[in-house]
Amino acid sequence: MSAVPTFGTVVLDCPDPKLLGEFYGALLDWGQPELNQDGDAYWADLSGPGGVMISFQRVDDYRAPQWPGQDVPQQLHLDLRVDDLAAGRERALALGAKLLDDSHETFHVYADPDGHPFCLCAC
């Protein structure tokens, strides 16, 4: 056995793992998340190509990050690549994302339905 870890998943806190997993599943065209419930833990895993995974963990009294303010810091965000920034924008908005900043030529900043910032990048 190796002491070197391998990448497992990125985990986003949220009020409803199923709903946020479905949003990212549709946005990334990865399908439906796998739901897990173990006692009070409520979790969803969304698997993508090549073994990449995003997980969603229910947090009671969830507070959405504030961007660009830091009263509730974002702590992390996802950069998602697109070939066509305008088409990516329309898709993200139709799925429930909120546009936060489109002032940059090569990327735009959005919030997912639970307020996590993410970028669509045509870089």
C-alpha atoms as a PDB file:
ATOM      1  CA  MET A   1       0.000   0.000   0.000  1.00  0.00           C
ATOM      2  CA  SER A   2       1.171   3.482  -0.789  1.00  0.00           C
ATOM      3  CA  ALA A   3       1.168   6.427   1.592  1.00  0.00           C
ATOM      4  CA  VAL A   4       0.525   8.734  -1.366  1.00  0.00           C
ATOM      5  CA  PRO A   5      -3.147   9.682  -1.515  1.00  0.00           C
ATOM      6  CA  THR A   6      -5.145   9.731  -4.714  1.00  0.00           C
ATOM      7  CA  PHE A   7      -7.790  12.307  -5.545  1.00  0.00           C
ATOM      8  CA  GLY A   8     -11.263  11.251  -4.453  1.00  0.00           C
ATOM      9  CA  THR A   9     -13.813  14.033  -4.865  1.00  0.00           C
ATOM     10  CA  VAL A  10     -14.615  17.696  -4.317  1.00  0.00           C
ATOM     11  CA  VAL A  11     -17.425  18.078  -1.760  1.00  0.00           C
ATOM     12  CA  LEU A  12     -19.835  21.010  -1.755  1.00  0.00           C
ATOM     13  CA  ASP A  13     -21.929  21.793   1.321  1.00  0.00           C
ATOM     14  CA  CYS A  14     -25.565  22.485   0.490  1.00  0.00           C
ATOM     15  CA  PRO A  15     -29.103  22.286   1.872  1.00  0.00           C
ATOM     16  CA  ASP A  16     -30.281  19.548  -0.556  1.00  0.00           C
ATOM     17  CA  PRO A  17     -27.640  17.221  -2.084  1.00  0.00           C
ATOM     18  CA  LYS A  18     -30.080  15.647  -4.543  1.00  0.00           C
ATOM     19  CA  LEU A  19     -31.139  18.971  -6.077  1.00  0.00           C
ATOM     20  CA  LEU A  20     -27.631  20.400  -6.316  1.00  0.00           C
ATOM     21  CA  GLY A  21     -26.330  17.087  -7.700  1.00  0.00           C
ATOM     22  CA  GLU A  22     -29.048  17.177 -10.347  1.00  0.00           C
ATOM     23  CA  PHE A  23     -28.101  20.766 -11.291  1.00  0.00           C
ATOM     24  CA  TYR A  24     -24.444  19.855 -11.848  1.00  0.00           C
ATOM     25  CA  GLY A  25     -25.419  16.564 -13.504  1.00  0.00           C
ATOM     26  CA  ALA A  26     -27.444  18.511 -16.074  1.00  0.00           C
ATOM     27  CA  LEU A  27     -24.904  21.338 -16.434  1.00  0.00           C
ATOM     28  CA  LEU A  28     -22.018  18.925 -17.073  1.00  0.00           C
ATOM     29  CA  ASP A  29     -24.164  16.299 -18.858  1.00  0.00           C
ATOM     30  CA  TRP A  30     -23.002  13.651 -16.368  1.00  0.00           C
ATOM     31  CA  GLY A  31     -26.412  12.187 -15.591  1.00  0.00           C
ATOM     32  CA  GLN A  32     -28.038  11.733 -12.212  1.00  0.00           C
ATOM     33  CA  PRO A  33     -26.248  11.723  -8.849  1.00  0.00           C
ATOM     34  CA  GLU A  34     -26.136   8.630  -6.663  1.00  0.00           C
ATOM     35  CA  LEU A  35     -27.855   9.335  -3.352  1.00  0.00           C
ATOM     36  CA  ASN A  36     -26.575   7.993  -0.055  1.00  0.00           C
ATOM     37  CA  GLN A  37     -28.180   8.236   3.346  1.00  0.00           C
ATOM     38  CA  ASP A  38     -26.443   6.878   6.408  1.00  0.00           C
ATOM     39  CA  GLY A  39     -28.212   7.875   9.592  1.00  0.00           C
ATOM     40  CA  ASP A  40     -28.316  11.666   9.643  1.00  0.00           C
ATOM     41  CA  ALA A  41     -25.756  11.976   6.844  1.00  0.00           C
ATOM     42  CA  TYR A  42     -27.291  12.814   3.492  1.00  0.00           C
ATOM     43  CA  TRP A  43     -24.903  12.801   0.573  1.00  0.00           C
ATOM     44  CA  ALA A  44     -24.931  12.623  -3.229  1.00  0.00           C
ATOM     45  CA  ASP A  45     -22.093  11.630  -5.576  1.00  0.00           C
ATOM     46  CA  LEU A  46     -21.949  12.723  -9.193  1.00  0.00           C
ATOM     47  CA  SER A  47     -19.507  10.736 -11.325  1.00  0.00           C
ATOM     48  CA  GLY A  48     -17.955  12.110 -14.474  1.00  0.00           C
ATOM     49  CA  PRO A  49     -15.608  10.861 -17.167  1.00  0.00           C
ATOM     50  CA  GLY A  50     -12.273   9.416 -16.146  1.00  0.00           C
ATOM     51  CA  GLY A  51     -13.335   8.819 -12.551  1.00  0.00           C
ATOM     52  CA  VAL A  52     -13.782  12.505 -11.686  1.00  0.00           C
ATOM     53  CA  MET A  53     -16.417  13.057  -9.017  1.00  0.00           C
ATOM     54  CA  ILE A  54     -18.229  15.933  -7.313  1.00  0.00           C
ATOM     55  CA  SER A  55     -20.043  15.179  -4.063  1.00  0.00           C
ATOM     56  CA  PHE A  56     -22.729  17.121  -2.235  1.00  0.00           C
ATOM     57  CA  GLN A  57     -23.191  17.058   1.540  1.00  0.00           C
ATOM     58  CA  ARG A  58     -26.267  18.282   3.412  1.00  0.00           C
ATOM     59  CA  VAL A  59     -25.485  20.934   5.993  1.00  0.00           C
ATOM     60  CA  ASP A  60     -28.123  22.150   8.418  1.00  0.00           C
ATOM     61  CA  ASP A  61     -28.415  25.951   8.514  1.00  0.00           C
ATOM     62  CA  TYR A  62     -26.435  26.235   5.264  1.00  0.00           C
ATOM     63  CA  ARG A  63     -25.334  29.789   4.408  1.00  0.00           C
ATOM     64  CA  ALA A  64     -24.486  30.496   0.788  1.00  0.00           C
ATOM     65  CA  PRO A  65     -21.107  32.093   0.025  1.00  0.00           C
ATOM     66  CA  GLN A  66     -21.189  35.784  -0.829  1.00  0.00           C
ATOM     67  CA  TRP A  67     -19.298  36.782  -3.924  1.00  0.00           C
ATOM     68  CA  PRO A  68     -17.358  38.973  -4.314  1.00  0.00           C
ATOM     69  CA  GLY A  69     -17.823  39.934  -0.649  1.00  0.00           C
ATOM     70  CA  GLN A  70     -16.163  37.938   2.093  1.00  0.00           C
ATOM     71  CA  ASP A  71     -18.752  38.021   4.889  1.00  0.00           C
ATOM     72  CA  VAL A  72     -19.383  34.370   3.991  1.00  0.00           C
ATOM     73  CA  PRO A  73     -16.270  33.400   1.971  1.00  0.00           C
ATOM     74  CA  GLN A  74     -16.528  31.117  -1.048  1.00  0.00           C
ATOM     75  CA  GLN A  75     -13.539  28.985   0.088  1.00  0.00           C
ATOM     76  CA  LEU A  76     -13.394  27.282  -3.315  1.00  0.00           C
ATOM     77  CA  HIS A  77     -15.020  27.452  -6.714  1.00  0.00           C
ATOM     78  CA  LEU A  78     -15.161  25.306  -9.819  1.00  0.00           C
ATOM     79  CA  ASP A  79     -13.714  26.422 -13.162  1.00  0.00           C
ATOM     80  CA  LEU A  80     -15.637  24.673 -15.941  1.00  0.00           C
ATOM     81  CA  ARG A  81     -14.351  24.894 -19.514  1.00  0.00           C
ATOM     82  CA  VAL A  82     -16.625  25.616 -22.479  1.00  0.00           C
ATOM     83  CA  ASP A  83     -15.864  26.113 -26.163  1.00  0.00           C
ATOM     84  CA  ASP A  84     -18.631  28.686 -26.632  1.00  0.00           C
ATOM     85  CA  LEU A  85     -19.013  31.119 -23.731  1.00  0.00           C
ATOM     86  CA  ALA A  86     -22.357  32.500 -24.959  1.00  0.00           C
ATOM     87  CA  ALA A  87     -23.901  29.047 -25.431  1.00  0.00           C
ATOM     88  CA  GLY A  88     -22.529  27.961 -22.037  1.00  0.00           C
ATOM     89  CA  ARG A  89     -24.111  31.030 -20.468  1.00  0.00           C
ATOM     90  CA  GLU A  90     -27.539  30.257 -21.908  1.00  0.00           C
ATOM     91  CA  ARG A  91     -27.308  26.620 -20.762  1.00  0.00           C
ATOM     92  CA  ALA A  92     -26.209  27.536 -17.234  1.00  0.00           C
ATOM     93  CA  LEU A  93     -28.939  30.161 -16.828  1.00  0.00           C
ATOM     94  CA  ALA A  94     -31.628  27.828 -18.196  1.00  0.00           C
ATOM     95  CA  LEU A  95     -30.613  25.218 -15.618  1.00  0.00           C
ATOM     96  CA  GLY A  96     -30.950  27.672 -12.722  1.00  0.00           C
ATOM     97  CA  ALA A  97     -27.550  29.356 -12.404  1.00  0.00           C
ATOM     98  CA  LYS A  98     -27.364  33.067 -11.599  1.00  0.00           C
ATOM     99  CA  LEU A  99     -24.943  35.320 -13.484  1.00  0.00           C
ATOM    100  CA  LEU A 100     -22.641  37.189 -11.089  1.00  0.00           C
ATOM    101  CA  ASP A 101     -20.059  38.767 -13.417  1.00  0.00           C
ATOM    102  CA  ASP A 102     -19.688  38.808 -17.202  1.00  0.00           C
ATOM    103  CA  SER A 103     -17.139  41.624 -17.400  1.00  0.00           C
ATOM    104  CA  HIS A 104     -14.262  39.359 -18.474  1.00  0.00           C
ATOM    105  CA  GLU A 105     -13.692  38.363 -22.071  1.00  0.00           C
ATOM    106  CA  THR A 106     -12.637  34.754 -21.464  1.00  0.00           C
ATOM    107  CA  PHE A 107     -14.674  33.749 -18.393  1.00  0.00           C
ATOM    108  CA  HIS A 108     -17.937  34.553 -16.604  1.00  0.00           C
ATOM    109  CA  VAL A 109     -18.778  34.005 -12.943  1.00  0.00           C
ATOM    110  CA  TYR A 110     -22.057  32.363 -11.885  1.00  0.00           C
ATOM    111  CA  ALA A 111     -23.673  31.043  -8.728  1.00  0.00           C
ATOM    112  CA  ASP A 112     -25.257  27.600  -8.651  1.00  0.00           C
ATOM    113  CA  PRO A 113     -28.776  27.316  -7.190  1.00  0.00           C
ATOM    114  CA  ASP A 114     -27.318  27.157  -3.659  1.00  0.00           C
ATOM    115  CA  GLY A 115     -25.022  30.149  -4.156  1.00  0.00           C
ATOM    116  CA  HIS A 116     -21.643  28.455  -4.763  1.00  0.00           C
ATOM    117  CA  PRO A 117     -19.648  30.526  -7.261  1.00  0.00           C
ATOM    118  CA  PHE A 118     -18.377  28.776 -10.387  1.00  0.00           C
ATOM    119  CA  CYS A 119     -16.819  30.030 -13.600  1.00  0.00           C
ATOM    120  CA  LEU A 120     -17.451  29.094 -17.201  1.00  0.00           C
ATOM    121  CA  CYS A 121     -14.118  29.570 -18.934  1.00  0.00           C
ATOM    122  CA  ALA A 122     -13.351  29.761 -22.640  1.00  0.00           C
ATOM    123  CA  CYS A 123      -9.610  30.015 -21.994  1.00  0.00           C
END
